[in-house]
Amino acid sequence: MREHWGLICKKIRRLAAPTAACLLLSPFVSAQDDIVPSSDEEGRIRIVDQSTFDQRYAAPISTVGAPVSQAADNSLQAIFSTGLQPQQCAPFAIHQKPQSLDTPNMIGDFLGYAGSVNFSTTTLGSLETSNGIFDLPGSGRVPKVAENNSAIPRDRFYFTYNHFHNAYSANTTVDPNALDMDMMPIDPAVESRTFHQNRFTLGIEKTLFYGDMSVEVRLPLVTEVDNVIPGFTDPTSTALEYATDDPTGNWSLILKKVLYDWYGSRTSGVFSSGVAFTFPTAEGVTVNLGDATFHVDDAGLHVSPFTTMLIESKQGWFIQGFIEFDYSTDKISIVDRAAGGVGKVDIPDVANFDFGAGWWLARYPDRHWWKGLAAIVEYHYTRQRQDFKSVAFQSNGVLSSSNVIVGAFDTRRDISNLTTGVHVLINDHVNARVAGVLPLKSSPDRQFDAEVVFQLDILR
C-alpha cells in the first residue's frame, strides 16, 4: 500500500510541476516573451527558450503511451494551446491611479482693508477747517487663501495681477467760515476723490508625500499707494495724503493636505484642508493731515484655517469651494509723529466663503498647444465676525491740528462679489485665467467699483 501511494504522489508531483511553474513564474514570463517553463524527467522545473519549445511541441499532442514526463509536458502544451499564454497568467495587475484632475484654480476677488479714518483738520493762520472720511489701503493684508488656489496640491510657480478700480475714496468738506490766503471768506467746497490700486503677487507651491500635501509661499507686490488731496485755500499745500511706505505686502505660508479623493466613472473629486500663516512684513500706511502725521500698522500674525473641495464631472462641468476663517494675534497700532503711540485697534475675525462653478467649452487633449477653454463663475462672501473698534486721538503739526478717529464707522462689513472669467489651458505645463469682478452691494459693503484679474500658472 505504501509503495502504491508513493507512486501516486510521484505522478501527482510530476503533473503539478508544470502548472506550478506557470503560476509562480508568470510575472517573470510576462516580461520575457522568449522563455517558457518546462520540467525534466525528474519533475524539476527548468526554463527553455521559445525556439526550443516550438521545435519540441511542433508535432500533434498525444499522451497515449508516452512517458510520464512527456505527458506532463504535453499537458502544459495543452494548457497553452487553449489561449492561456504565459504572459496572460499573471495573478495580479499593478494598480495605476487615474489621470490627475485638471479643474482650473479658483480666481478670487478680495482687496483687504485696514479700516476707516474720520478726521477734522484746522489749518492754523488761514482758519481753514476740513473734515471727512476715507478708507485706509489694505495693501498689507494678503488676499484670502482661495485666490488662485485649488483643493489639488500642485507643483507650480504663479503670477497674479489685480487692478482695483476706485478702491479707496476720500470725501472732504471745508467749513463755510474758513478764510482764504487773503483772509477773505471762501465758498464752501466739497472734495470727493477715488483712487485705484494695482497689486502683483508672486507665489510658488511644492507638493510633498507623493502629492498628498503641499507647501505654498505667496508674496504680494503692491504698487506705491500715494493718494493726495491738495489744500483748499492753498493748492500748493496738502490737505490730505496717505501712502504705503514700501511696495511689499505681507507674505504668506500655506499648508494644504488632501483628506479624501475619489476617481469614478462619472465624477471625481478631492477634499482638502490646511492652514495659512500671514506674517507682518509690510510697513503699514502713513497718513498726513496738513503737516500732522501718524502711522497705521497691522503688526499681527494672521492664522487662517481653511477647508476646500472640488468635484469634476466626465461631462465637462466642475464645482469647487473654500471656507476660511482669519484670526489675528495682535492689533492695529497707531503711532503719531508728535505724540508717539496713541492706541491700538482690535482686528475683527473674518469668515470667507468662496464658491465657483465652470464648464469646459472646448477640450483638445491631442494637441500640444491650446488644449482647452473653460468658463468660470464664482460667488464670494466676506463677513466680519465682530465690530471694528476705533481709537480717537489728536495729531498736531506745526501748521495744523487734527482730531482723528481710526477704526470703522460701519461696524461690520458684509462684502459680496461676483467673479466671471475664462480659463485657457495653453499646454500641459502652462495655463492662464482672465476675469472681471463685480461688487454686488453698495457702500460701505463695496470695496471697489470693478476689478480686473489676470493669473498665470506654470506647472512642473
Foldseek 3Di string as FASTA:
>chain_A
DVVVVVVVVQLVLLLCLQVVQLQVCLVVCLVPVFKHWAADPNSDIDIDTNVVVCVVCVDDQDDPPDDSRSNSRSVSVVVVVVPCPSSNNHPDDDDDDPDDDDDFAQADDDQAFFFKKWKWKAFPPQRKIKTWMKTHGGQQDDDDPSHRHALFAFFWKKKKKKKFAQQMKIKMKIDQQTGAPVRHGDHIDIDIDGDMWMKMKIKGKDADDVRQKIKMKMKIFIDKDWDFDADDRDRVFTQKIKIFPHRTHWMKIKIKGWDDWDDDPFKTKTKMWTKMKTAQPGDAMWMQRGNWIKGKGDHWIKMKIKIKMKMATPQFKIKMKMKIKIDTPDFIWMQTPPPGTQDTKHDFIKIKIKMKMKGWPDAQQPDAFFGTKMKMKMKIKMKGPWFTDKGWDWTDDPRMIMTMITTYDVGMAIWIKMKIWMKTCGGPFKIKIWIKIATPDDPPNDSGHIMIMIMMMGGD
